[in-house]
Structures are given as structure tokens and as C-alpha cells.
Amino acid sequence: KLDEYVYGVYRTITSLVSITLPFIILPVVKKFKPLKLLKYASLSIATC
């Protein structure tokens, strides 16, 4: 039963992560093949 603004703040915070990550992780994208990243993502998403 939280206010819409609280939900908006939650979405905003998670979105800030989306802004900062791309160039930080670009070396990871170039280093690892997509298949390996898919394996890691499935385990990480399930755990979180």
C-alpha cells in the first residue's frame, strides 16, 4: 500500500544502474562470448 511516488523512486534507482553500467561492462562484453554470459545470467537472475 505504498504511494505511487515510492514505486517511481524504486524504478528510478534501478534505472540509474542501467545508465552507469553499459560502458563499465563493455570490456566484459568484448571478452566473453554470448553463450557464457547467458549461463551466468540464468543463475544470477534465479538467485536474485
All heavy atoms as atom14 arrays in JSON, in Angstrom:
{
  "sequence": "KLDEYVYGVYRTITSLVSITLPFIILPVVKKFKPLKLLKYASLSIATC",
  "atom14_mask": [
    [1, 1, 1, 1, 1, 1, 1, 1, 1, 0, 0, 0, 0, 0],
    [1, 1, 1, 1, 1, 1, 1, 1, 0, 0, 0, 0, 0, 0],
    [1, 1, 1, 1, 1, 1, 1, 1, 0, 0, 0, 0, 0, 0],
    [1, 1, 1, 1, 1, 1, 1, 1, 1, 0, 0, 0, 0, 0],
    [1, 1, 1, 1, 1, 1, 1, 1, 1, 1, 1, 1, 0, 0],
    [1, 1, 1, 1, 1, 1, 1, 0, 0, 0, 0, 0, 0, 0],
    [1, 1, 1, 1, 1, 1, 1, 1, 1, 1, 1, 1, 0, 0],
    [1, 1, 1, 1, 0, 0, 0, 0, 0, 0, 0, 0, 0, 0],
    [1, 1, 1, 1, 1, 1, 1, 0, 0, 0, 0, 0, 0, 0],
    [1, 1, 1, 1, 1, 1, 1, 1, 1, 1, 1, 1, 0, 0],
    [1, 1, 1, 1, 1, 1, 1, 1, 1, 1, 1, 0, 0, 0],
    [1, 1, 1, 1, 1, 1, 1, 0, 0, 0, 0, 0, 0, 0],
    [1, 1, 1, 1, 1, 1, 1, 1, 0, 0, 0, 0, 0, 0],
    [1, 1, 1, 1, 1, 1, 1, 0, 0, 0, 0, 0, 0, 0],
    [1, 1, 1, 1, 1, 1, 0, 0, 0, 0, 0, 0, 0, 0],
    [1, 1, 1, 1, 1, 1, 1, 1, 0, 0, 0, 0, 0, 0],
    [1, 1, 1, 1, 1, 1, 1, 0, 0, 0, 0, 0, 0, 0],
    [1, 1, 1, 1, 1, 1, 0, 0, 0, 0, 0, 0, 0, 0],
    [1, 1, 1, 1, 1, 1, 1, 1, 0, 0, 0, 0, 0, 0],
    [1, 1, 1, 1, 1, 1, 1, 0, 0, 0, 0, 0, 0, 0],
    [1, 1, 1, 1, 1, 1, 1, 1, 0, 0, 0, 0, 0, 0],
    [1, 1, 1, 1, 1, 1, 1, 0, 0, 0, 0, 0, 0, 0],
    [1, 1, 1, 1, 1, 1, 1, 1, 1, 1, 1, 0, 0, 0],
    [1, 1, 1, 1, 1, 1, 1, 1, 0, 0, 0, 0, 0, 0],
    [1, 1, 1, 1, 1, 1, 1, 1, 0, 0, 0, 0, 0, 0],
    [1, 1, 1, 1, 1, 1, 1, 1, 0, 0, 0, 0, 0, 0],
    [1, 1, 1, 1, 1, 1, 1, 0, 0, 0, 0, 0, 0, 0],
    [1, 1, 1, 1, 1, 1, 1, 0, 0, 0, 0, 0, 0, 0],
    [1, 1, 1, 1, 1, 1, 1, 0, 0, 0, 0, 0, 0, 0],
    [1, 1, 1, 1, 1, 1, 1, 1, 1, 0, 0, 0, 0, 0],
    [1, 1, 1, 1, 1, 1, 1, 1, 1, 0, 0, 0, 0, 0],
    [1, 1, 1, 1, 1, 1, 1, 1, 1, 1, 1, 0, 0, 0],
    [1, 1, 1, 1, 1, 1, 1, 1, 1, 0, 0, 0, 0, 0],
    [1, 1, 1, 1, 1, 1, 1, 0, 0, 0, 0, 0, 0, 0],
    [1, 1, 1, 1, 1, 1, 1, 1, 0, 0, 0, 0, 0, 0],
    [1, 1, 1, 1, 1, 1, 1, 1, 1, 0, 0, 0, 0, 0],
    [1, 1, 1, 1, 1, 1, 1, 1, 0, 0, 0, 0, 0, 0],
    [1, 1, 1, 1, 1, 1, 1, 1, 0, 0, 0, 0, 0, 0],
    [1, 1, 1, 1, 1, 1, 1, 1, 1, 0, 0, 0, 0, 0],
    [1, 1, 1, 1, 1, 1, 1, 1, 1, 1, 1, 1, 0, 0],
    [1, 1, 1, 1, 1, 0, 0, 0, 0, 0, 0, 0, 0, 0],
    [1, 1, 1, 1, 1, 1, 0, 0, 0, 0, 0, 0, 0, 0],
    [1, 1, 1, 1, 1, 1, 1, 1, 0, 0, 0, 0, 0, 0],
    [1, 1, 1, 1, 1, 1, 0, 0, 0, 0, 0, 0, 0, 0],
    [1, 1, 1, 1, 1, 1, 1, 1, 0, 0, 0, 0, 0, 0],
    [1, 1, 1, 1, 1, 0, 0, 0, 0, 0, 0, 0, 0, 0],
    [1, 1, 1, 1, 1, 1, 1, 0, 0, 0, 0, 0, 0, 0],
    [1, 1, 1, 1, 1, 1, 0, 0, 0, 0, 0, 0, 0, 0]
  ],
  "atom14_positions": [
    [[0.82, -1.22, 0.0], [0.0, 0.0, 0.0], [0.85, 1.27, 0.0], [0.58, 2.23, 0.71], [-0.94, 0.02, 1.22], [-1.87, -1.17, 1.33], [-2.89, -1.2, 0.19], [-3.86, -2.35, 0.36], [-4.82, -2.44, -0.76], [0.0, 0.0, 0.0], [0.0, 0.0, 0.0], [0.0, 0.0, 0.0], [0.0, 0.0, 0.0], [0.0, 0.0, 0.0]],
    [[1.89, 1.27, -0.82], [2.79, 2.42, -0.88], [2.31, 3.42, -1.92], [1.56, 3.09, -2.84], [4.21, 1.95, -1.23], [4.86, 1.0, -0.21], [6.18, 0.47, -0.73], [5.07, 1.71, 1.13], [0.0, 0.0, 0.0], [0.0, 0.0, 0.0], [0.0, 0.0, 0.0], [0.0, 0.0, 0.0], [0.0, 0.0, 0.0], [0.0, 0.0, 0.0]],
    [[2.76, 4.65, -1.78], [2.4, 5.72, -2.7], [3.04, 5.48, -4.07], [4.09, 4.84, -4.18], [2.88, 7.07, -2.14], [2.35, 8.23, -2.94], [1.23, 8.71, -2.64], [3.05, 8.68, -3.86], [0.0, 0.0, 0.0], [0.0, 0.0, 0.0], [0.0, 0.0, 0.0], [0.0, 0.0, 0.0], [0.0, 0.0, 0.0], [0.0, 0.0, 0.0]],
    [[2.41, 6.01, -5.14], [2.96, 5.88, -6.49], [4.37, 6.44, -6.59], [5.21, 5.93, -7.33], [2.07, 6.59, -7.52], [0.71, 5.94, -7.74], [-0.36, 6.54, -6.83], [0.01, 7.19, -5.83], [-1.56, 6.34, -7.12], [0.0, 0.0, 0.0], [0.0, 0.0, 0.0], [0.0, 0.0, 0.0], [0.0, 0.0, 0.0], [0.0, 0.0, 0.0]],
    [[4.66, 7.48, -5.8], [5.98, 8.09, -5.84], [7.06, 7.13, -5.34], [8.18, 7.12, -5.84], [6.01, 9.38, -5.02], [5.39, 10.57, -5.72], [4.38, 11.31, -5.12], [5.81, 10.94, -7.0], [3.81, 12.4, -5.76], [5.25, 12.02, -7.65], [4.24, 12.75, -7.03], [3.68, 13.82, -7.68], [0.0, 0.0, 0.0], [0.0, 0.0, 0.0]],
    [[6.73, 6.33, -4.33], [7.69, 5.36, -3.81], [8.03, 4.34, -4.89], [9.2, 4.0, -5.1], [7.13, 4.63, -2.56], [8.12, 3.57, -2.07], [6.83, 5.63, -1.46], [0.0, 0.0, 0.0], [0.0, 0.0, 0.0], [0.0, 0.0, 0.0], [0.0, 0.0, 0.0], [0.0, 0.0, 0.0], [0.0, 0.0, 0.0], [0.0, 0.0, 0.0]],
    [[7.0, 3.89, -5.59], [7.23, 2.97, -6.7], [8.05, 3.66, -7.8], [8.96, 3.04, -8.39], [5.89, 2.51, -7.26], [6.01, 1.58, -8.45], [6.56, 0.31, -8.3], [5.57, 1.97, -9.7], [6.68, -0.54, -9.39], [5.67, 1.12, -10.79], [6.23, -0.13, -10.63], [6.34, -0.96, -11.71], [0.0, 0.0, 0.0], [0.0, 0.0, 0.0]],
    [[7.76, 4.92, -8.05], [8.53, 5.66, -9.04], [9.98, 5.81, -8.66], [10.88, 5.71, -9.5], [0.0, 0.0, 0.0], [0.0, 0.0, 0.0], [0.0, 0.0, 0.0], [0.0, 0.0, 0.0], [0.0, 0.0, 0.0], [0.0, 0.0, 0.0], [0.0, 0.0, 0.0], [0.0, 0.0, 0.0], [0.0, 0.0, 0.0], [0.0, 0.0, 0.0]],
    [[10.24, 6.05, -7.37], [11.62, 6.17, -6.87], [12.36, 4.84, -7.07], [13.53, 4.81, -7.48], [11.64, 6.58, -5.39], [13.04, 6.44, -4.8], [11.15, 8.02, -5.24], [0.0, 0.0, 0.0], [0.0, 0.0, 0.0], [0.0, 0.0, 0.0], [0.0, 0.0, 0.0], [0.0, 0.0, 0.0], [0.0, 0.0, 0.0], [0.0, 0.0, 0.0]],
    [[11.68, 3.75, -6.75], [12.28, 2.41, -6.93], [12.68, 2.2, -8.39], [13.82, 1.77, -8.68], [11.27, 1.35, -6.48], [11.43, 0.0, -7.13], [12.54, -0.81, -6.86], [10.46, -0.49, -8.01], [12.68, -2.05, -7.45], [10.59, -1.73, -8.6], [11.69, -2.51, -8.33], [11.83, -3.73, -8.91], [0.0, 0.0, 0.0], [0.0, 0.0, 0.0]],
    [[11.79, 2.52, -9.31], [12.1, 2.36, -10.73], [13.22, 3.3, -11.17], [14.06, 2.96, -12.01], [10.85, 2.62, -11.58], [9.82, 1.51, -11.52], [10.38, 0.22, -12.04], [9.39, -0.85, -12.05], [9.68, -2.13, -12.21], [10.94, -2.51, -12.33], [8.73, -3.04, -12.21], [0.0, 0.0, 0.0], [0.0, 0.0, 0.0], [0.0, 0.0, 0.0]],
    [[13.26, 4.49, -10.59], [14.31, 5.45, -10.94], [15.67, 4.97, -10.48], [16.67, 5.07, -11.21], [13.99, 6.82, -10.31], [12.73, 7.3, -10.82], [15.08, 7.83, -10.64], [0.0, 0.0, 0.0], [0.0, 0.0, 0.0], [0.0, 0.0, 0.0], [0.0, 0.0, 0.0], [0.0, 0.0, 0.0], [0.0, 0.0, 0.0], [0.0, 0.0, 0.0]],
    [[15.75, 4.44, -9.27], [17.03, 3.95, -8.74], [17.57, 2.8, -9.59], [18.75, 2.78, -9.96], [16.88, 3.51, -7.27], [16.62, 4.72, -6.38], [18.13, 2.75, -6.8], [16.28, 4.36, -4.95], [0.0, 0.0, 0.0], [0.0, 0.0, 0.0], [0.0, 0.0, 0.0], [0.0, 0.0, 0.0], [0.0, 0.0, 0.0], [0.0, 0.0, 0.0]],
    [[16.71, 1.85, -9.91], [17.16, 0.73, -10.73], [17.58, 1.2, -12.13], [18.49, 0.64, -12.73], [16.07, -0.34, -10.86], [14.86, 0.25, -11.37], [15.78, -0.97, -9.5], [0.0, 0.0, 0.0], [0.0, 0.0, 0.0], [0.0, 0.0, 0.0], [0.0, 0.0, 0.0], [0.0, 0.0, 0.0], [0.0, 0.0, 0.0], [0.0, 0.0, 0.0]],
    [[16.94, 2.25, -12.6], [17.28, 2.78, -13.91], [18.63, 3.49, -13.91], [19.35, 3.49, -14.92], [16.19, 3.73, -14.39], [14.95, 3.07, -14.48], [0.0, 0.0, 0.0], [0.0, 0.0, 0.0], [0.0, 0.0, 0.0], [0.0, 0.0, 0.0], [0.0, 0.0, 0.0], [0.0, 0.0, 0.0], [0.0, 0.0, 0.0], [0.0, 0.0, 0.0]],
    [[18.97, 4.12, -12.79], [20.28, 4.77, -12.68], [21.41, 3.75, -12.86], [22.45, 4.06, -13.44], [20.41, 5.46, -11.32], [19.66, 6.79, -11.16], [19.68, 7.25, -9.72], [20.27, 7.87, -12.06], [0.0, 0.0, 0.0], [0.0, 0.0, 0.0], [0.0, 0.0, 0.0], [0.0, 0.0, 0.0], [0.0, 0.0, 0.0], [0.0, 0.0, 0.0]],
    [[21.17, 2.55, -12.39], [22.14, 1.48, -12.59], [22.29, 1.19, -14.09], [23.41, 0.96, -14.58], [21.71, 0.2, -11.83], [22.67, -0.95, -12.12], [21.63, 0.48, -10.35], [0.0, 0.0, 0.0], [0.0, 0.0, 0.0], [0.0, 0.0, 0.0], [0.0, 0.0, 0.0], [0.0, 0.0, 0.0], [0.0, 0.0, 0.0], [0.0, 0.0, 0.0]],
    [[21.18, 1.25, -14.81], [21.21, 1.0, -16.25], [22.02, 2.04, -17.01], [22.57, 1.75, -18.07], [19.78, 0.96, -16.8], [19.01, -0.03, -16.18], [0.0, 0.0, 0.0], [0.0, 0.0, 0.0], [0.0, 0.0, 0.0], [0.0, 0.0, 0.0], [0.0, 0.0, 0.0], [0.0, 0.0, 0.0], [0.0, 0.0, 0.0], [0.0, 0.0, 0.0]],
    [[22.1, 3.25, -16.46], [22.87, 4.31, -17.12], [24.36, 4.12, -16.9], [25.17, 4.29, -17.8], [22.44, 5.7, -16.59], [21.03, 6.02, -17.04], [23.4, 6.78, -17.08], [20.52, 7.35, -16.54], [0.0, 0.0, 0.0], [0.0, 0.0, 0.0], [0.0, 0.0, 0.0], [0.0, 0.0, 0.0], [0.0, 0.0, 0.0], [0.0, 0.0, 0.0]],
    [[24.73, 3.74, -15.69], [26.16, 3.67, -15.34], [26.84, 2.39, -15.83], [28.05, 2.37, -16.04], [26.34, 3.77, -13.82], [25.57, 2.73, -13.19], [25.84, 5.11, -13.31], [0.0, 0.0, 0.0], [0.0, 0.0, 0.0], [0.0, 0.0, 0.0], [0.0, 0.0, 0.0], [0.0, 0.0, 0.0], [0.0, 0.0, 0.0], [0.0, 0.0, 0.0]],
    [[26.08, 1.34, -16.03], [26.67, 0.04, -16.33], [27.25, -0.14, -17.74], [28.31, -0.75, -17.88], [25.66, -1.07, -16.08], [25.6, -1.65, -14.68], [24.55, -2.74, -14.61], [26.94, -2.21, -14.27], [0.0, 0.0, 0.0], [0.0, 0.0, 0.0], [0.0, 0.0, 0.0], [0.0, 0.0, 0.0], [0.0, 0.0, 0.0], [0.0, 0.0, 0.0]],
    [[26.59, 0.32, -18.82], [26.99, -0.1, -20.16], [28.47, 0.04, -20.48], [29.08, -0.9, -21.0], [26.14, 0.8, -21.07], [24.92, 1.06, -20.28], [25.39, 1.17, -18.86], [0.0, 0.0, 0.0], [0.0, 0.0, 0.0], [0.0, 0.0, 0.0], [0.0, 0.0, 0.0], [0.0, 0.0, 0.0], [0.0, 0.0, 0.0], [0.0, 0.0, 0.0]],
    [[29.07, 1.18, -20.19], [30.47, 1.38, -20.56], [31.42, 0.7, -19.57], [32.54, 0.37, -19.9], [30.77, 2.87, -20.69], [30.0, 3.5, -21.81], [29.0, 4.42, -21.54], [30.24, 3.15, -23.12], [28.26, 4.98, -22.57], [29.51, 3.71, -24.15], [28.52, 4.62, -23.88], [0.0, 0.0, 0.0], [0.0, 0.0, 0.0], [0.0, 0.0, 0.0]],
    [[30.94, 0.47, -18.36], [31.73, -0.27, -17.39], [31.87, -1.73, -17.82], [32.95, -2.34, -17.69], [31.09, -0.19, -15.98], [31.08, 1.26, -15.49], [31.83, -1.08, -14.98], [30.33, 1.46, -14.18], [0.0, 0.0, 0.0], [0.0, 0.0, 0.0], [0.0, 0.0, 0.0], [0.0, 0.0, 0.0], [0.0, 0.0, 0.0], [0.0, 0.0, 0.0]],
    [[30.78, -2.28, -18.34], [30.78, -3.7, -18.68], [31.17, -3.97, -20.13], [31.27, -5.14, -20.52], [29.38, -4.31, -18.43], [28.35, -3.66, -19.35], [28.99, -4.19, -16.98], [26.98, -4.3, -19.27], [0.0, 0.0, 0.0], [0.0, 0.0, 0.0], [0.0, 0.0, 0.0], [0.0, 0.0, 0.0], [0.0, 0.0, 0.0], [0.0, 0.0, 0.0]],
    [[31.42, -2.94, -20.93], [31.76, -3.15, -22.34], [32.98, -4.06, -22.51], [32.97, -4.94, -23.39], [31.99, -1.81, -23.05], [32.07, -1.85, -24.58], [30.83, -2.53, -25.17], [32.22, -0.45, -25.14], [0.0, 0.0, 0.0], [0.0, 0.0, 0.0], [0.0, 0.0, 0.0], [0.0, 0.0, 0.0], [0.0, 0.0, 0.0], [0.0, 0.0, 0.0]],
    [[34.04, -3.91, -21.69], [35.16, -4.86, -21.8], [34.74, -6.31, -21.54], [35.28, -7.23, -22.15], [36.15, -4.37, -20.73], [35.82, -2.92, -20.55], [34.33, -2.84, -20.73], [0.0, 0.0, 0.0], [0.0, 0.0, 0.0], [0.0, 0.0, 0.0], [0.0, 0.0, 0.0], [0.0, 0.0, 0.0], [0.0, 0.0, 0.0], [0.0, 0.0, 0.0]],
    [[33.78, -6.5, -20.64], [33.28, -7.85, -20.35], [32.56, -8.41, -21.58], [32.73, -9.58, -21.93], [32.32, -7.82, -19.14], [31.71, -9.2, -18.91], [33.03, -7.34, -17.9], [0.0, 0.0, 0.0], [0.0, 0.0, 0.0], [0.0, 0.0, 0.0], [0.0, 0.0, 0.0], [0.0, 0.0, 0.0], [0.0, 0.0, 0.0], [0.0, 0.0, 0.0]],
    [[31.78, -7.55, -22.24], [31.04, -7.98, -23.43], [32.01, -8.42, -24.53], [31.78, -9.41, -25.22], [30.13, -6.84, -23.94], [29.49, -7.21, -25.26], [29.06, -6.53, -22.9], [0.0, 0.0, 0.0], [0.0, 0.0, 0.0], [0.0, 0.0, 0.0], [0.0, 0.0, 0.0], [0.0, 0.0, 0.0], [0.0, 0.0, 0.0], [0.0, 0.0, 0.0]],
    [[33.1, -7.68, -24.68], [34.07, -8.0, -25.73], [34.92, -9.22, -25.38], [35.41, -9.93, -26.26], [34.98, -6.78, -25.98], [34.26, -5.61, -26.63], [35.23, -4.48, -26.95], [34.52, -3.35, -27.69], [35.44, -2.26, -28.07], [0.0, 0.0, 0.0], [0.0, 0.0, 0.0], [0.0, 0.0, 0.0], [0.0, 0.0, 0.0], [0.0, 0.0, 0.0]],
    [[35.07, -9.47, -24.07], [35.94, -10.57, -23.62], [35.24, -11.92, -23.64], [35.83, -12.94, -24.03], [36.46, -10.27, -22.21], [37.43, -11.31, -21.68], [37.94, -10.92, -20.3], [38.91, -11.97, -19.76], [39.42, -11.61, -18.4], [0.0, 0.0, 0.0], [0.0, 0.0, 0.0], [0.0, 0.0, 0.0], [0.0, 0.0, 0.0], [0.0, 0.0, 0.0]],
    [[33.96, -11.95, -23.21], [33.25, -13.22, -23.08], [32.26, -13.42, -24.23], [31.64, -12.46, -24.7], [32.5, -13.28, -21.74], [33.42, -13.29, -20.55], [33.61, -12.14, -19.8], [34.08, -14.45, -20.18], [34.46, -12.14, -18.7], [34.93, -14.46, -19.09], [35.13, -13.31, -18.35], [0.0, 0.0, 0.0], [0.0, 0.0, 0.0], [0.0, 0.0, 0.0]],
    [[32.1, -14.66, -24.61], [31.14, -14.99, -25.66], [29.71, -14.93, -25.11], [29.49, -15.16, -23.92], [31.44, -16.37, -26.22], [32.76, -16.43, -26.98], [32.99, -17.8, -27.58], [34.29, -17.83, -28.38], [34.56, -19.17, -28.97], [0.0, 0.0, 0.0], [0.0, 0.0, 0.0], [0.0, 0.0, 0.0], [0.0, 0.0, 0.0], [0.0, 0.0, 0.0]],
    [[28.73, -14.65, -25.97], [27.34, -14.54, -25.51], [26.84, -15.78, -24.78], [26.08, -15.66, -23.82], [26.55, -14.31, -26.81], [27.54, -13.73, -27.76], [28.86, -14.33, -27.41], [0.0, 0.0, 0.0], [0.0, 0.0, 0.0], [0.0, 0.0, 0.0], [0.0, 0.0, 0.0], [0.0, 0.0, 0.0], [0.0, 0.0, 0.0], [0.0, 0.0, 0.0]],
    [[27.27, -16.96, -25.2], [26.8, -18.19, -24.56], [27.21, -18.26, -23.1], [26.43, -18.67, -22.23], [27.33, -19.42, -25.31], [26.81, -20.78, -24.84], [25.29, -20.83, -24.9], [27.42, -21.9, -25.67], [0.0, 0.0, 0.0], [0.0, 0.0, 0.0], [0.0, 0.0, 0.0], [0.0, 0.0, 0.0], [0.0, 0.0, 0.0], [0.0, 0.0, 0.0]],
    [[28.43, -17.85, -22.8], [28.91, -17.85, -21.41], [28.13, -16.84, -20.58], [27.8, -17.08, -19.41], [30.4, -17.54, -21.37], [31.04, -17.76, -20.0], [32.55, -17.76, -20.08], [33.16, -18.14, -18.73], [34.65, -18.2, -18.8], [0.0, 0.0, 0.0], [0.0, 0.0, 0.0], [0.0, 0.0, 0.0], [0.0, 0.0, 0.0], [0.0, 0.0, 0.0]],
    [[27.84, -15.69, -21.17], [27.06, -14.67, -20.47], [25.64, -15.15, -20.21], [25.04, -14.82, -19.18], [27.04, -13.38, -21.29], [28.39, -12.66, -21.45], [28.25, -11.48, -22.42], [28.9, -12.16, -20.1], [0.0, 0.0, 0.0], [0.0, 0.0, 0.0], [0.0, 0.0, 0.0], [0.0, 0.0, 0.0], [0.0, 0.0, 0.0], [0.0, 0.0, 0.0]],
    [[25.08, -15.95, -21.12], [23.74, -16.5, -20.95], [23.7, -17.46, -19.76], [22.77, -17.44, -18.96], [23.28, -17.2, -22.22], [21.89, -17.84, -22.21], [20.81, -16.79, -21.95], [21.61, -18.56, -23.52], [0.0, 0.0, 0.0], [0.0, 0.0, 0.0], [0.0, 0.0, 0.0], [0.0, 0.0, 0.0], [0.0, 0.0, 0.0], [0.0, 0.0, 0.0]],
    [[24.73, -18.28, -19.63], [24.81, -19.22, -18.49], [24.85, -18.45, -17.17], [24.13, -18.78, -16.22], [26.05, -20.1, -18.62], [26.04, -21.06, -19.8], [27.36, -21.8, -19.89], [27.41, -22.72, -21.11], [28.73, -23.38, -21.26], [0.0, 0.0, 0.0], [0.0, 0.0, 0.0], [0.0, 0.0, 0.0], [0.0, 0.0, 0.0], [0.0, 0.0, 0.0]],
    [[25.71, -17.44, -17.12], [25.84, -16.65, -15.89], [24.54, -15.94, -15.55], [24.1, -15.91, -14.4], [26.97, -15.63, -16.06], [26.99, -14.57, -14.99], [27.44, -14.86, -13.7], [26.53, -13.28, -15.25], [27.43, -13.9, -12.71], [26.53, -12.31, -14.27], [26.99, -12.62, -13.0], [26.97, -11.66, -12.02], [0.0, 0.0, 0.0], [0.0, 0.0, 0.0]],
    [[23.89, -15.36, -16.57], [22.66, -14.6, -16.35], [21.55, -15.48, -15.78], [20.81, -15.06, -14.89], [22.2, -13.93, -17.64], [0.0, 0.0, 0.0], [0.0, 0.0, 0.0], [0.0, 0.0, 0.0], [0.0, 0.0, 0.0], [0.0, 0.0, 0.0], [0.0, 0.0, 0.0], [0.0, 0.0, 0.0], [0.0, 0.0, 0.0], [0.0, 0.0, 0.0]],
    [[21.42, -16.71, -16.28], [20.33, -17.58, -15.81], [20.47, -17.89, -14.33], [19.49, -17.84, -13.58], [20.29, -18.87, -16.63], [21.44, -19.66, -16.37], [0.0, 0.0, 0.0], [0.0, 0.0, 0.0], [0.0, 0.0, 0.0], [0.0, 0.0, 0.0], [0.0, 0.0, 0.0], [0.0, 0.0, 0.0], [0.0, 0.0, 0.0], [0.0, 0.0, 0.0]],
    [[21.69, -18.18, -13.88], [21.92, -18.46, -12.45], [21.72, -17.22, -11.6], [21.11, -17.27, -10.53], [23.33, -19.01, -12.25], [23.56, -20.49, -12.57], [25.02, -20.85, -12.35], [22.66, -21.38, -11.74], [0.0, 0.0, 0.0], [0.0, 0.0, 0.0], [0.0, 0.0, 0.0], [0.0, 0.0, 0.0], [0.0, 0.0, 0.0], [0.0, 0.0, 0.0]],
    [[22.26, -16.11, -12.06], [22.18, -14.87, -11.29], [20.74, -14.38, -11.15], [20.3, -13.97, -10.07], [23.04, -13.79, -11.97], [22.97, -12.57, -11.26], [0.0, 0.0, 0.0], [0.0, 0.0, 0.0], [0.0, 0.0, 0.0], [0.0, 0.0, 0.0], [0.0, 0.0, 0.0], [0.0, 0.0, 0.0], [0.0, 0.0, 0.0], [0.0, 0.0, 0.0]],
    [[19.97, -14.42, -12.25], [18.57, -13.98, -12.21], [17.76, -14.85, -11.27], [16.97, -14.35, -10.45], [17.95, -14.01, -13.63], [18.6, -12.95, -14.52], [16.45, -13.78, -13.57], [18.24, -13.07, -15.99], [0.0, 0.0, 0.0], [0.0, 0.0, 0.0], [0.0, 0.0, 0.0], [0.0, 0.0, 0.0], [0.0, 0.0, 0.0], [0.0, 0.0, 0.0]],
    [[17.96, -16.18, -11.35], [17.22, -17.1, -10.49], [17.5, -16.82, -9.01], [16.58, -16.8, -8.18], [17.58, -18.55, -10.83], [0.0, 0.0, 0.0], [0.0, 0.0, 0.0], [0.0, 0.0, 0.0], [0.0, 0.0, 0.0], [0.0, 0.0, 0.0], [0.0, 0.0, 0.0], [0.0, 0.0, 0.0], [0.0, 0.0, 0.0], [0.0, 0.0, 0.0]],
    [[18.78, -16.6, -8.68], [19.16, -16.34, -7.29], [18.55, -15.04, -6.78], [17.99, -14.98, -5.67], [20.69, -16.28, -7.16], [21.25, -17.51, -7.62], [21.11, -16.06, -5.71], [0.0, 0.0, 0.0], [0.0, 0.0, 0.0], [0.0, 0.0, 0.0], [0.0, 0.0, 0.0], [0.0, 0.0, 0.0], [0.0, 0.0, 0.0], [0.0, 0.0, 0.0]],
    [[18.64, -13.98, -7.59], [18.14, -12.68, -7.16], [16.61, -12.67, -7.03], [16.07, -12.03, -6.12], [18.6, -11.59, -8.13], [20.36, -11.24, -8.06], [0.0, 0.0, 0.0], [0.0, 0.0, 0.0], [0.0, 0.0, 0.0], [0.0, 0.0, 0.0], [0.0, 0.0, 0.0], [0.0, 0.0, 0.0], [0.0, 0.0, 0.0], [0.0, 0.0, 0.0]]
  ]
}
